PDB file of N, CA and C in Angstrom:
ATOM      1  N   GLN A   1       3.097 -40.562 -34.635  1.00  0.00           N
ATOM      2  CA  GLN A   1       2.904 -41.982 -34.407  1.00  0.00           C
ATOM      3  C   GLN A   1       1.412 -42.278 -34.372  1.00  0.00           C
ATOM      4  N   VAL A   2       1.022 -43.315 -35.108  1.00  0.00           N
ATOM      5  CA  VAL A   2      -0.388 -43.680 -35.176  1.00  0.00           C
ATOM      6  C   VAL A   2      -0.800 -44.395 -33.901  1.00  0.00           C
ATOM      7  N   GLN A   3      -1.927 -43.994 -33.365  1.00  0.00           N
ATOM      8  CA  GLN A   3      -2.505 -44.689 -32.222  1.00  0.00           C
ATOM      9  C   GLN A   3      -3.968 -44.957 -32.495  1.00  0.00           C
ATOM     10  N   LEU A   4      -4.401 -46.156 -32.142  1.00  0.00           N
ATOM     11  CA  LEU A   4      -5.794 -46.545 -32.267  1.00  0.00           C
ATOM     12  C   LEU A   4      -6.273 -46.962 -30.885  1.00  0.00           C
ATOM     13  N   VAL A   5      -7.409 -46.404 -30.466  1.00  0.00           N
ATOM     14  CA  VAL A   5      -7.932 -46.696 -29.133  1.00  0.00           C
ATOM     15  C   VAL A   5      -9.370 -47.168 -29.259  1.00  0.00           C
ATOM     16  N   GLU A   6      -9.589 -48.433 -28.931  1.00  0.00           N
ATOM     17  CA  GLU A   6     -10.926 -49.020 -28.997  1.00  0.00           C
ATOM     18  C   GLU A   6     -11.661 -48.821 -27.683  1.00  0.00           C
ATOM     19  N   SER A   7     -12.976 -48.792 -27.776  1.00  0.00           N
ATOM     20  CA  SER A   7     -13.826 -48.724 -26.600  1.00  0.00           C
ATOM     21  C   SER A   7     -15.183 -49.305 -26.946  1.00  0.00           C
ATOM     22  N   GLY A   8     -15.982 -49.555 -25.916  1.00  0.00           N
ATOM     23  CA  GLY A   8     -17.340 -50.008 -26.137  1.00  0.00           C
ATOM     24  C   GLY A   8     -17.589 -51.474 -25.877  1.00  0.00           C
ATOM     25  N   GLY A   9     -16.546 -52.219 -25.582  1.00  0.00           N
ATOM     26  CA  GLY A   9     -16.739 -53.635 -25.290  1.00  0.00           C
ATOM     27  C   GLY A   9     -17.412 -53.840 -23.945  1.00  0.00           C
ATOM     28  N   GLY A  10     -17.765 -55.091 -23.680  1.00  0.00           N
ATOM     29  CA  GLY A  10     -18.402 -55.396 -22.411  1.00  0.00           C
ATOM     30  C   GLY A  10     -19.122 -56.722 -22.459  1.00  0.00           C
ATOM     31  N   LEU A  11     -19.956 -56.932 -21.471  1.00  0.00           N
ATOM     32  CA  LEU A  11     -20.746 -58.155 -21.357  1.00  0.00           C
ATOM     33  C   LEU A  11     -22.153 -57.893 -21.894  1.00  0.00           C
ATOM     34  N   VAL A  12     -22.618 -58.770 -22.756  1.00  0.00           N
ATOM     35  CA  VAL A  12     -23.947 -58.613 -23.327  1.00  0.00           C
ATOM     36  C   VAL A  12     -24.583 -59.995 -23.432  1.00  0.00           C
ATOM     37  N   GLN A  13     -25.882 -60.052 -23.301  1.00  0.00           N
ATOM     38  CA  GLN A  13     -26.594 -61.320 -23.418  1.00  0.00           C
ATOM     39  C   GLN A  13     -26.736 -61.712 -24.884  1.00  0.00           C
ATOM     40  N   PRO A  14     -26.874 -62.984 -25.151  1.00  0.00           N
ATOM     41  CA  PRO A  14     -27.121 -63.413 -26.532  1.00  0.00           C
ATOM     42  C   PRO A  14     -28.337 -62.695 -27.108  1.00  0.00           C
ATOM     43  N   GLY A  15     -28.190 -62.242 -28.338  1.00  0.00           N
ATOM     44  CA  GLY A  15     -29.243 -61.470 -28.981  1.00  0.00           C
ATOM     45  C   GLY A  15     -29.146 -59.978 -28.739  1.00  0.00           C
ATOM     46  N   GLY A  16     -28.239 -59.583 -27.873  1.00  0.00           N
ATOM     47  CA  GLY A  16     -28.082 -58.171 -27.556  1.00  0.00           C
ATOM     48  C   GLY A  16     -27.204 -57.432 -28.552  1.00  0.00           C
ATOM     49  N   SER A  17     -26.964 -56.167 -28.246  1.00  0.00           N
ATOM     50  CA  SER A  17     -26.208 -55.293 -29.146  1.00  0.00           C
ATOM     51  C   SER A  17     -25.109 -54.560 -28.392  1.00  0.00           C
ATOM     52  N   LEU A  18     -24.064 -54.250 -29.140  1.00  0.00           N
ATOM     53  CA  LEU A  18     -22.990 -53.400 -28.642  1.00  0.00           C
ATOM     54  C   LEU A  18     -22.508 -52.532 -29.789  1.00  0.00           C
ATOM     55  N   ARG A  19     -21.974 -51.378 -29.434  1.00  0.00           N
ATOM     56  CA  ARG A  19     -21.363 -50.508 -30.433  1.00  0.00           C
ATOM     57  C   ARG A  19     -19.924 -50.235 -30.019  1.00  0.00           C
ATOM     58  N   LEU A  20     -19.010 -50.673 -30.848  1.00  0.00           N
ATOM     59  CA  LEU A  20     -17.596 -50.433 -30.600  1.00  0.00           C
ATOM     60  C   LEU A  20     -17.151 -49.165 -31.321  1.00  0.00           C
ATOM     61  N   SER A  21     -16.209 -48.484 -30.714  1.00  0.00           N
ATOM     62  CA  SER A  21     -15.624 -47.290 -31.322  1.00  0.00           C
ATOM     63  C   SER A  21     -14.113 -47.434 -31.356  1.00  0.00           C
ATOM     64  N   CYS A  22     -13.511 -46.816 -32.342  1.00  0.00           N
ATOM     65  CA  CYS A  22     -12.052 -46.813 -32.453  1.00  0.00           C
ATOM     66  C   CYS A  22     -11.634 -45.418 -32.882  1.00  0.00           C
ATOM     67  N   ALA A  23     -10.956 -44.725 -31.993  1.00  0.00           N
ATOM     68  CA  ALA A  23     -10.481 -43.384 -32.286  1.00  0.00           C
ATOM     69  C   ALA A  23      -9.036 -43.463 -32.769  1.00  0.00           C
ATOM     70  N   ALA A  24      -8.777 -42.810 -33.900  1.00  0.00           N
ATOM     71  CA  ALA A  24      -7.451 -42.865 -34.519  1.00  0.00           C
ATOM     72  C   ALA A  24      -6.761 -41.517 -34.414  1.00  0.00           C
ATOM     73  N   SER A  25      -5.444 -41.578 -34.252  1.00  0.00           N
ATOM     74  CA  SER A  25      -4.667 -40.344 -34.201  1.00  0.00           C
ATOM     75  C   SER A  25      -4.023 -40.047 -35.548  1.00  0.00           C
ATOM     76  N   THR A  26      -4.424 -40.791 -36.557  1.00  0.00           N
ATOM     77  CA  THR A  26      -3.856 -40.645 -37.892  1.00  0.00           C
ATOM     78  C   THR A  26      -4.097 -39.254 -38.444  1.00  0.00           C
ATOM     79  N   SER A  27      -3.060 -38.642 -38.978  1.00  0.00           N
ATOM     80  CA  SER A  27      -3.199 -37.282 -39.490  1.00  0.00           C
ATOM     81  C   SER A  27      -3.938 -37.238 -40.819  1.00  0.00           C
ATOM     82  N   ILE A  28      -3.918 -38.338 -41.561  1.00  0.00           N
ATOM     83  CA  ILE A  28      -4.614 -38.384 -42.844  1.00  0.00           C
ATOM     84  C   ILE A  28      -5.584 -39.561 -42.829  1.00  0.00           C
ATOM     85  N   PHE A  29      -6.464 -39.534 -41.871  1.00  0.00           N
ATOM     86  CA  PHE A  29      -7.417 -40.619 -41.640  1.00  0.00           C
ATOM     87  C   PHE A  29      -8.172 -40.983 -42.905  1.00  0.00           C
ATOM     88  N   ASN A  30      -8.483 -39.969 -43.713  1.00  0.00           N
ATOM     89  CA  ASN A  30      -9.297 -40.192 -44.901  1.00  0.00           C
ATOM     90  C   ASN A  30      -8.665 -41.176 -45.880  1.00  0.00           C
ATOM     91  N   PHE A  31      -7.353 -41.378 -45.801  1.00  0.00           N
ATOM     92  CA  PHE A  31      -6.655 -42.237 -46.750  1.00  0.00           C
ATOM     93  C   PHE A  31      -6.517 -43.676 -46.262  1.00  0.00           C
ATOM     94  N   TYR A  32      -7.029 -43.946 -45.079  1.00  0.00           N
ATOM     95  CA  TYR A  32      -6.798 -45.243 -44.470  1.00  0.00           C
ATOM     96  C   TYR A  32      -8.010 -46.162 -44.587  1.00  0.00           C
ATOM     97  N   VAL A  33      -7.729 -47.414 -44.894  1.00  0.00           N
ATOM     98  CA  VAL A  33      -8.723 -48.472 -44.784  1.00  0.00           C
ATOM     99  C   VAL A  33      -8.807 -48.849 -43.306  1.00  0.00           C
ATOM    100  N   MET A  34     -10.007 -48.918 -42.799  1.00  0.00           N
ATOM    101  CA  MET A  34     -10.232 -49.260 -41.395  1.00  0.00           C
ATOM    102  C   MET A  34     -10.891 -50.625 -41.308  1.00  0.00           C
ATOM    103  N   GLU A  35     -10.440 -51.414 -40.364  1.00  0.00           N
ATOM    104  CA  GLU A  35     -10.972 -52.766 -40.232  1.00  0.00           C
ATOM    105  C   GLU A  35     -11.204 -53.115 -38.764  1.00  0.00           C
ATOM    106  N   TRP A  36     -12.152 -54.000 -38.558  1.00  0.00           N
ATOM    107  CA  TRP A  36     -12.351 -54.620 -37.257  1.00  0.00           C
ATOM    108  C   TRP A  36     -12.043 -56.115 -37.384  1.00  0.00           C
ATOM    109  N   TYR A  37     -11.247 -56.588 -36.437  1.00  0.00           N
ATOM    110  CA  TYR A  37     -10.915 -58.007 -36.344  1.00  0.00           C
ATOM    111  C   TYR A  37     -11.450 -58.550 -35.023  1.00  0.00           C
ATOM    112  N   ARG A  38     -11.569 -59.849 -34.990  1.00  0.00           N
ATOM    113  CA  ARG A  38     -11.999 -60.525 -33.765  1.00  0.00           C
ATOM    114  C   ARG A  38     -11.072 -61.711 -33.529  1.00  0.00           C
ATOM    115  N   GLN A  39     -10.713 -61.903 -32.249  1.00  0.00           N
ATOM    116  CA  GLN A  39      -9.930 -63.079 -31.881  1.00  0.00           C
ATOM    117  C   GLN A  39     -10.610 -63.766 -30.724  1.00  0.00           C
ATOM    118  N   ALA A  40     -11.195 -64.923 -31.039  1.00  0.00           N
ATOM    119  CA  ALA A  40     -11.844 -65.728 -30.011  1.00  0.00           C
ATOM    120  C   ALA A  40     -10.787 -66.534 -29.263  1.00  0.00           C
ATOM    121  N   PRO A  41     -11.098 -66.949 -28.050  1.00  0.00           N
ATOM    122  CA  PRO A  41     -10.122 -67.720 -27.264  1.00  0.00           C
ATOM    123  C   PRO A  41      -9.654 -68.964 -28.014  1.00  0.00           C
ATOM    124  N   GLY A  42      -8.340 -69.113 -28.134  1.00  0.00           N
ATOM    125  CA  GLY A  42      -7.780 -70.278 -28.787  1.00  0.00           C
ATOM    126  C   GLY A  42      -7.863 -70.280 -30.303  1.00  0.00           C
ATOM    127  N   LYS A  43      -8.290 -69.180 -30.880  1.00  0.00           N
ATOM    128  CA  LYS A  43      -8.446 -69.124 -32.330  1.00  0.00           C
ATOM    129  C   LYS A  43      -7.607 -68.000 -32.931  1.00  0.00           C
ATOM    130  N   LEU A  44      -7.451 -68.065 -34.235  1.00  0.00           N
ATOM    131  CA  LEU A  44      -6.714 -67.030 -34.942  1.00  0.00           C
ATOM    132  C   LEU A  44      -7.560 -65.763 -35.058  1.00  0.00           C
ATOM    133  N   ARG A  45      -6.872 -64.650 -35.185  1.00  0.00           N
ATOM    134  CA  ARG A  45      -7.567 -63.387 -35.404  1.00  0.00           C
ATOM    135  C   ARG A  45      -8.183 -63.400 -36.802  1.00  0.00           C
ATOM    136  N   GLU A  46      -9.411 -62.950 -36.918  1.00  0.00           N
ATOM    137  CA  GLU A  46     -10.097 -62.939 -38.209  1.00  0.00           C
ATOM    138  C   GLU A  46     -10.738 -61.582 -38.454  1.00  0.00           C
ATOM    139  N   VAL A  47     -10.780 -61.191 -39.719  1.00  0.00           N
ATOM    140  CA  VAL A  47     -11.393 -59.913 -40.064  1.00  0.00           C
ATOM    141  C   VAL A  47     -12.901 -60.046 -40.012  1.00  0.00           C
ATOM    142  N   VAL A  48     -13.531 -59.047 -39.444  1.00  0.00           N
ATOM    143  CA  VAL A  48     -14.982 -59.031 -39.286  1.00  0.00           C
ATOM    144  C   VAL A  48     -15.616 -58.074 -40.297  1.00  0.00           C
ATOM    145  N   ALA A  49     -15.025 -56.871 -40.410  1.00  0.00           N
ATOM    146  CA  ALA A  49     -15.610 -55.853 -41.286  1.00  0.00           C
ATOM    147  C   ALA A  49     -14.536 -54.869 -41.718  1.00  0.00           C
ATOM    148  N   THR A  50     -14.739 -54.305 -42.907  1.00  0.00           N
ATOM    149  CA  THR A  50     -13.791 -53.361 -43.497  1.00  0.00           C
ATOM    150  C   THR A  50     -14.553 -52.184 -44.077  1.00  0.00           C
ATOM    151  N   VAL A  51     -13.997 -50.986 -43.904  1.00  0.00           N
ATOM    152  CA  VAL A  51     -14.549 -49.813 -44.578  1.00  0.00           C
ATOM    153  C   VAL A  51     -13.394 -49.066 -45.241  1.00  0.00           C
ATOM    154  N   ASN A  52     -13.536 -48.794 -46.528  1.00  0.00           N
ATOM    155  CA  ASN A  52     -12.459 -48.119 -47.248  1.00  0.00           C
ATOM    156  C   ASN A  52     -12.628 -46.606 -47.156  1.00  0.00           C
ATOM    157  N   PRO A  53     -11.645 -45.835 -47.640  1.00  0.00           N
ATOM    158  CA  PRO A  53     -11.731 -44.383 -47.493  1.00  0.00           C
ATOM    159  C   PRO A  53     -12.997 -43.781 -48.108  1.00  0.00           C
ATOM    160  N   GLY A  54     -13.513 -44.391 -49.152  1.00  0.00           N
ATOM    161  CA  GLY A  54     -14.721 -43.874 -49.788  1.00  0.00           C
ATOM    162  C   GLY A  54     -16.014 -44.300 -49.138  1.00  0.00           C
ATOM    163  N   GLY A  55     -15.909 -45.147 -48.119  1.00  0.00           N
ATOM    164  CA  GLY A  55     -17.100 -45.585 -47.402  1.00  0.00           C
ATOM    165  C   GLY A  55     -17.611 -46.957 -47.809  1.00  0.00           C
ATOM    166  N   GLY A  56     -16.997 -47.565 -48.813  1.00  0.00           N
ATOM    167  CA  GLY A  56     -17.405 -48.909 -49.194  1.00  0.00           C
ATOM    168  C   GLY A  56     -17.084 -49.910 -48.108  1.00  0.00           C
ATOM    169  N   THR A  57     -17.933 -50.910 -47.945  1.00  0.00           N
ATOM    170  CA  THR A  57     -17.786 -51.841 -46.836  1.00  0.00           C
ATOM    171  C   THR A  57     -17.762 -53.294 -47.297  1.00  0.00           C
ATOM    172  N   ASN A  58     -17.129 -54.125 -46.473  1.00  0.00           N
ATOM    173  CA  ASN A  58     -17.144 -55.566 -46.665  1.00  0.00           C
ATOM    174  C   ASN A  58     -17.285 -56.231 -45.302  1.00  0.00           C
ATOM    175  N   TYR A  59     -17.935 -57.385 -45.292  1.00  0.00           N
ATOM    176  CA  TYR A  59     -18.187 -58.082 -44.044  1.00  0.00           C
ATOM    177  C   TYR A  59     -17.876 -59.569 -44.181  1.00  0.00           C
ATOM    178  N   ALA A  60     -17.473 -60.157 -43.063  1.00  0.00           N
ATOM    179  CA  ALA A  60     -17.390 -61.608 -43.011  1.00  0.00           C
ATOM    180  C   ALA A  60     -18.800 -62.165 -43.187  1.00  0.00           C
ATOM    181  N   ASP A  61     -18.905 -63.294 -43.854  1.00  0.00           N
ATOM    182  CA  ASP A  61     -20.228 -63.867 -44.114  1.00  0.00           C
ATOM    183  C   ASP A  61     -21.015 -64.089 -42.830  1.00  0.00           C
ATOM    184  N   SER A  62     -20.328 -64.421 -41.760  1.00  0.00           N
ATOM    185  CA  SER A  62     -21.010 -64.764 -40.512  1.00  0.00           C
ATOM    186  C   SER A  62     -21.699 -63.568 -39.849  1.00  0.00           C
ATOM    187  N   VAL A  63     -21.321 -62.342 -40.232  1.00  0.00           N
ATOM    188  CA  VAL A  63     -21.895 -61.163 -39.567  1.00  0.00           C
ATOM    189  C   VAL A  63     -22.762 -60.324 -40.498  1.00  0.00           C
ATOM    190  N   LYS A  64     -22.838 -60.690 -41.754  1.00  0.00           N
ATOM    191  CA  LYS A  64     -23.631 -59.911 -42.710  1.00  0.00           C
ATOM    192  C   LYS A  64     -25.075 -59.804 -42.253  1.00  0.00           C
ATOM    193  N   GLY A  65     -25.601 -58.589 -42.309  1.00  0.00           N
ATOM    194  CA  GLY A  65     -26.979 -58.349 -41.903  1.00  0.00           C
ATOM    195  C   GLY A  65     -27.137 -58.045 -40.426  1.00  0.00           C
ATOM    196  N   ARG A  66     -26.073 -58.277 -39.649  1.00  0.00           N
ATOM    197  CA  ARG A  66     -26.150 -58.023 -38.205  1.00  0.00           C
ATOM    198  C   ARG A  66     -25.167 -56.955 -37.740  1.00  0.00           C
ATOM    199  N   PHE A  67     -24.023 -56.867 -38.388  1.00  0.00           N
ATOM    200  CA  PHE A  67     -22.996 -55.893 -38.017  1.00  0.00           C
ATOM    201  C   PHE A  67     -22.944 -54.784 -39.069  1.00  0.00           C
ATOM    202  N   THR A  68     -22.652 -53.589 -38.599  1.00  0.00           N
ATOM    203  CA  THR A  68     -22.475 -52.456 -39.507  1.00  0.00           C
ATOM    204  C   THR A  68     -21.226 -51.677 -39.122  1.00  0.00           C
ATOM    205  N   ILE A  69     -20.326 -51.530 -40.082  1.00  0.00           N
ATOM    206  CA  ILE A  69     -19.133 -50.719 -39.862  1.00  0.00           C
ATOM    207  C   ILE A  69     -19.357 -49.357 -40.504  1.00  0.00           C
ATOM    208  N   SER A  70     -18.887 -48.324 -39.846  1.00  0.00           N
ATOM    209  CA  SER A  70     -19.016 -46.974 -40.387  1.00  0.00           C
ATOM    210  C   SER A  70     -17.829 -46.135 -39.919  1.00  0.00           C
ATOM    211  N   ARG A  71     -17.615 -45.048 -40.597  1.00  0.00           N
ATOM    212  CA  ARG A  71     -16.504 -44.175 -40.231  1.00  0.00           C
ATOM    213  C   ARG A  71     -16.957 -42.729 -40.236  1.00  0.00           C
ATOM    214  N   ASP A  72     -16.341 -41.955 -39.369  1.00  0.00           N
ATOM    215  CA  ASP A  72     -16.571 -40.522 -39.303  1.00  0.00           C
ATOM    216  C   ASP A  72     -15.230 -39.860 -39.582  1.00  0.00           C
ATOM    217  N   ASN A  73     -15.066 -39.325 -40.781  1.00  0.00           N
ATOM    218  CA  ASN A  73     -13.783 -38.755 -41.185  1.00  0.00           C
ATOM    219  C   ASN A  73     -13.510 -37.393 -40.555  1.00  0.00           C
ATOM    220  N   ILE A  74     -14.495 -36.835 -39.895  1.00  0.00           N
ATOM    221  CA  ILE A  74     -14.281 -35.589 -39.145  1.00  0.00           C
ATOM    222  C   ILE A  74     -13.725 -35.912 -37.760  1.00  0.00           C
ATOM    223  N   LYS A  75     -14.270 -36.947 -37.145  1.00  0.00           N
ATOM    224  CA  LYS A  75     -13.847 -37.337 -35.805  1.00  0.00           C
ATOM    225  C   LYS A  75     -12.710 -38.353 -35.828  1.00  0.00           C
ATOM    226  N   ASP A  76     -12.301 -38.798 -37.033  1.00  0.00           N
ATOM    227  CA  ASP A  76     -11.243 -39.806 -37.149  1.00  0.00           C
ATOM    228  C   ASP A  76     -11.584 -41.035 -36.312  1.00  0.00           C
ATOM    229  N   THR A  77     -12.793 -41.507 -36.484  1.00  0.00           N
ATOM    230  CA  THR A  77     -13.291 -42.618 -35.681  1.00  0.00           C
ATOM    231  C   THR A  77     -14.023 -43.618 -36.570  1.00  0.00           C
ATOM    232  N   VAL A  78     -13.844 -44.878 -36.260  1.00  0.00           N
ATOM    233  CA  VAL A  78     -14.582 -45.933 -36.935  1.00  0.00           C
ATOM    234  C   VAL A  78     -15.426 -46.669 -35.894  1.00  0.00           C
ATOM    235  N   TYR A  79     -16.591 -47.128 -36.314  1.00  0.00           N
ATOM    236  CA  TYR A  79     -17.539 -47.770 -35.408  1.00  0.00           C
ATOM    237  C   TYR A  79     -17.880 -49.166 -35.926  1.00  0.00           C
ATOM    238  N   LEU A  80     -18.300 -49.996 -34.992  1.00  0.00           N
ATOM    239  CA  LEU A  80     -18.845 -51.298 -35.354  1.00  0.00           C
ATOM    240  C   LEU A  80     -20.101 -51.510 -34.523  1.00  0.00           C
ATOM    241  N   GLN A  81     -21.237 -51.428 -35.186  1.00  0.00           N
ATOM    242  CA  GLN A  81     -22.508 -51.718 -34.530  1.00  0.00           C
ATOM    243  C   GLN A  81     -22.771 -53.202 -34.675  1.00  0.00           C
ATOM    244  N   MET A  82     -22.938 -53.879 -33.554  1.00  0.00           N
ATOM    245  CA  MET A  82     -23.121 -55.327 -33.545  1.00  0.00           C
ATOM    246  C   MET A  82     -24.480 -55.648 -32.946  1.00  0.00           C
ATOM    247  N   ASN A  83     -25.317 -56.272 -33.732  1.00  0.00           N
ATOM    248  CA  ASN A  83     -26.660 -56.658 -33.290  1.00  0.00           C
ATOM    249  C   ASN A  83     -26.801 -58.168 -33.299  1.00  0.00           C
ATOM    250  N   SER A  84     -27.767 -58.649 -32.554  1.00  0.00           N
ATOM    251  CA  SER A  84     -28.061 -60.086 -32.497  1.00  0.00           C
ATOM    252  C   SER A  84     -26.803 -60.897 -32.218  1.00  0.00           C
ATOM    253  N   LEU A  85     -26.088 -60.498 -31.213  1.00  0.00           N
ATOM    254  CA  LEU A  85     -24.812 -61.139 -30.899  1.00  0.00           C
ATOM    255  C   LEU A  85     -25.007 -62.575 -30.433  1.00  0.00           C
ATOM    256  N   LYS A  86     -24.016 -63.391 -30.773  1.00  0.00           N
ATOM    257  CA  LYS A  86     -24.054 -64.818 -30.437  1.00  0.00           C
ATOM    258  C   LYS A  86     -22.916 -65.149 -29.475  1.00  0.00           C
ATOM    259  N   PRO A  87     -23.086 -66.192 -28.664  1.00  0.00           N
ATOM    260  CA  PRO A  87     -22.022 -66.551 -27.704  1.00  0.00           C
ATOM    261  C   PRO A  87     -20.669 -66.823 -28.363  1.00  0.00           C
ATOM    262  N   ASP A  88     -20.682 -67.391 -29.565  1.00  0.00           N
ATOM    263  CA  ASP A  88     -19.390 -67.707 -30.192  1.00  0.00           C
ATOM    264  C   ASP A  88     -18.725 -66.475 -30.791  1.00  0.00           C
ATOM    265  N   GLU A  89     -19.339 -65.309 -30.611  1.00  0.00           N
ATOM    266  CA  GLU A  89     -18.707 -64.064 -31.057  1.00  0.00           C
ATOM    267  C   GLU A  89     -17.968 -63.392 -29.908  1.00  0.00           C
ATOM    268  N   THR A  90     -17.882 -64.089 -28.813  1.00  0.00           N
ATOM    269  CA  THR A  90     -17.059 -63.634 -27.704  1.00  0.00           C
ATOM    270  C   THR A  90     -15.593 -63.604 -28.119  1.00  0.00           C
ATOM    271  N   GLY A  91     -14.915 -62.551 -27.698  1.00  0.00           N
ATOM    272  CA  GLY A  91     -13.500 -62.457 -28.014  1.00  0.00           C
ATOM    273  C   GLY A  91     -13.006 -61.035 -27.848  1.00  0.00           C
ATOM    274  N   VAL A  92     -11.770 -60.833 -28.229  1.00  0.00           N
ATOM    275  CA  VAL A  92     -11.194 -59.493 -28.221  1.00  0.00           C
ATOM    276  C   VAL A  92     -11.346 -58.914 -29.621  1.00  0.00           C
ATOM    277  N   TYR A  93     -11.889 -57.736 -29.680  1.00  0.00           N
ATOM    278  CA  TYR A  93     -12.102 -57.061 -30.947  1.00  0.00           C
ATOM    279  C   TYR A  93     -11.041 -55.978 -31.112  1.00  0.00           C
ATOM    280  N   TYR A  94     -10.389 -56.035 -32.265  1.00  0.00           N
ATOM    281  CA  TYR A  94      -9.289 -55.117 -32.555  1.00  0.00           C
ATOM    282  C   TYR A  94      -9.641 -54.222 -33.732  1.00  0.00           C
ATOM    283  N   CYS A  95      -9.236 -52.992 -33.608  1.00  0.00           N
ATOM    284  CA  CYS A  95      -9.321 -52.036 -34.705  1.00  0.00           C
ATOM    285  C   CYS A  95      -7.969 -52.012 -35.413  1.00  0.00           C
ATOM    286  N   SER A  96      -8.022 -51.906 -36.731  1.00  0.00           N
ATOM    287  CA  SER A  96      -6.778 -51.870 -37.497  1.00  0.00           C
ATOM    288  C   SER A  96      -6.933 -50.884 -38.644  1.00  0.00           C
ATOM    289  N   GLU A  97      -5.824 -50.351 -39.103  1.00  0.00           N
ATOM    290  CA  GLU A  97      -5.873 -49.467 -40.255  1.00  0.00           C
ATOM    291  C   GLU A  97      -4.604 -49.610 -41.079  1.00  0.00           C
ATOM    292  N   TYR A  98      -4.732 -49.328 -42.372  1.00  0.00           N
ATOM    293  CA  TYR A  98      -3.553 -49.254 -43.235  1.00  0.00           C
ATOM    294  C   TYR A  98      -3.797 -48.215 -44.310  1.00  0.00           C
ATOM    295  N   ASP A  99      -2.698 -47.654 -44.787  1.00  0.00           N
ATOM    296  CA  ASP A  99      -2.744 -46.593 -45.786  1.00  0.00           C
ATOM    297  C   ASP A  99      -2.951 -47.224 -47.161  1.00  0.00           C
ATOM    298  N   ILE A 100      -4.071 -46.940 -47.770  1.00  0.00           N
ATOM    299  CA  ILE A 100      -4.394 -47.547 -49.053  1.00  0.00           C
ATOM    300  C   ILE A 100      -3.447 -47.096 -50.156  1.00  0.00           C
ATOM    301  N   GLY A 101      -2.771 -45.957 -49.957  1.00  0.00           N
ATOM    302  CA  GLY A 101      -1.875 -45.441 -50.981  1.00  0.00           C
ATOM    303  C   GLY A 101      -0.424 -45.817 -50.800  1.00  0.00           C
ATOM    304  N   ALA A 102      -0.110 -46.529 -49.734  1.00  0.00           N
ATOM    305  CA  ALA A 102       1.281 -46.872 -49.450  1.00  0.00           C
ATOM    306  C   ALA A 102       1.766 -47.969 -50.390  1.00  0.00           C
ATOM    307  N   ALA A 103       3.044 -47.898 -50.742  1.00  0.00           N
ATOM    308  CA  ALA A 103       3.621 -48.914 -51.618  1.00  0.00           C
ATOM    309  C   ALA A 103       3.635 -50.282 -50.943  1.00  0.00           C
ATOM    310  N   ASP A 104       3.935 -50.295 -49.671  1.00  0.00           N
ATOM    311  CA  ASP A 104       3.940 -51.536 -48.890  1.00  0.00           C
ATOM    312  C   ASP A 104       2.940 -51.393 -47.755  1.00  0.00           C
ATOM    313  N   ARG A 105       2.069 -52.372 -47.659  1.00  0.00           N
ATOM    314  CA  ARG A 105       1.038 -52.311 -46.628  1.00  0.00           C
ATOM    315  C   ARG A 105       1.667 -52.503 -45.264  1.00  0.00           C
ATOM    316  N   TYR A 106       1.269 -51.632 -44.322  1.00  0.00           N
ATOM    317  CA  TYR A 106       1.651 -51.787 -42.926  1.00  0.00           C
ATOM    318  C   TYR A 106       0.406 -51.555 -42.089  1.00  0.00           C
ATOM    319  N   ASP A 107       0.081 -52.519 -41.245  1.00  0.00           N
ATOM    320  CA  ASP A 107      -1.120 -52.435 -40.436  1.00  0.00           C
ATOM    321  C   ASP A 107      -0.806 -51.902 -39.047  1.00  0.00           C
ATOM    322  N   TYR A 108      -1.601 -50.942 -38.642  1.00  0.00           N
ATOM    323  CA  TYR A 108      -1.542 -50.439 -37.276  1.00  0.00           C
ATOM    324  C   TYR A 108      -2.684 -51.074 -36.485  1.00  0.00           C
ATOM    325  N   TRP A 109      -2.430 -51.330 -35.201  1.00  0.00           N
ATOM    326  CA  TRP A 109      -3.407 -52.038 -34.372  1.00  0.00           C
ATOM    327  C   TRP A 109      -3.668 -51.290 -33.074  1.00  0.00           C
ATOM    328  N   GLY A 110      -4.921 -51.414 -32.623  1.00  0.00           N
ATOM    329  CA  GLY A 110      -5.252 -50.961 -31.295  1.00  0.00           C
ATOM    330  C   GLY A 110      -4.972 -52.045 -30.279  1.00  0.00           C
ATOM    331  N   GLN A 111      -5.278 -51.757 -29.028  1.00  0.00           N
ATOM    332  CA  GLN A 111      -4.986 -52.708 -27.954  1.00  0.00           C
ATOM    333  C   GLN A 111      -6.089 -53.747 -27.791  1.00  0.00           C
ATOM    334  N   GLY A 112      -7.235 -53.506 -28.421  1.00  0.00           N
ATOM    335  CA  GLY A 112      -8.340 -54.443 -28.352  1.00  0.00           C
ATOM    336  C   GLY A 112      -9.319 -54.123 -27.242  1.00  0.00           C
ATOM    337  N   THR A 113     -10.546 -54.571 -27.446  1.00  0.00           N
ATOM    338  CA  THR A 113     -11.582 -54.423 -26.423  1.00  0.00           C
ATOM    339  C   THR A 113     -12.333 -55.742 -26.308  1.00  0.00           C
ATOM    340  N   GLN A 114     -12.556 -56.175 -25.083  1.00  0.00           N
ATOM    341  CA  GLN A 114     -13.163 -57.488 -24.842  1.00  0.00           C
ATOM    342  C   GLN A 114     -14.682 -57.413 -25.020  1.00  0.00           C
ATOM    343  N   VAL A 115     -15.200 -58.360 -25.774  1.00  0.00           N
ATOM    344  CA  VAL A 115     -16.648 -58.537 -25.917  1.00  0.00           C
ATOM    345  C   VAL A 115     -16.987 -59.932 -25.432  1.00  0.00           C
ATOM    346  N   THR A 116     -17.908 -60.001 -24.489  1.00  0.00           N
ATOM    347  CA  THR A 116     -18.341 -61.291 -23.958  1.00  0.00           C
ATOM    348  C   THR A 116     -19.836 -61.407 -24.143  1.00  0.00           C
ATOM    349  N   VAL A 117     -20.244 -62.448 -24.864  1.00  0.00           N
ATOM    350  CA  VAL A 117     -21.659 -62.695 -25.116  1.00  0.00           C
ATOM    351  C   VAL A 117     -22.055 -63.915 -24.302  1.00  0.00           C
ATOM    352  N   SER A 118     -22.816 -63.668 -23.265  1.00  0.00           N
ATOM    353  CA  SER A 118     -23.153 -64.752 -22.346  1.00  0.00           C
ATOM    354  C   SER A 118     -24.391 -64.393 -21.542  1.00  0.00           C
ATOM    355  N   SER A 119     -25.152 -65.413 -21.209  1.00  0.00           N
ATOM    356  CA  SER A 119     -26.309 -65.208 -20.348  1.00  0.00           C
ATOM    357  C   SER A 119     -25.949 -65.441 -18.888  1.00  0.00           C
TER     358      SER A 119
END
């Protein structure tokens, strides 16, 4: 059974940085696309960053140049380095993964980690 466990959230001042981690129990981690989503209070969950099995990345326009997603295929872990954080980026951050080779996409989710950007 796939399990994703996020960590690294917390309270940070505007302009500050946080590094989120997501440890996966996936047996074939290398085949999975890893993503970070964010859900702000009262809003829909939105994708923030994606890293594919080969290391290619994509970012939401709002975080380009400030956030960096990376993966460690030895540790089965994906990271999200967040710099220059803004108050409206407060929310629960979720790690997600899906098997890029599967016939039908199925997303696995972590429990989320709270990020609060406030002075």
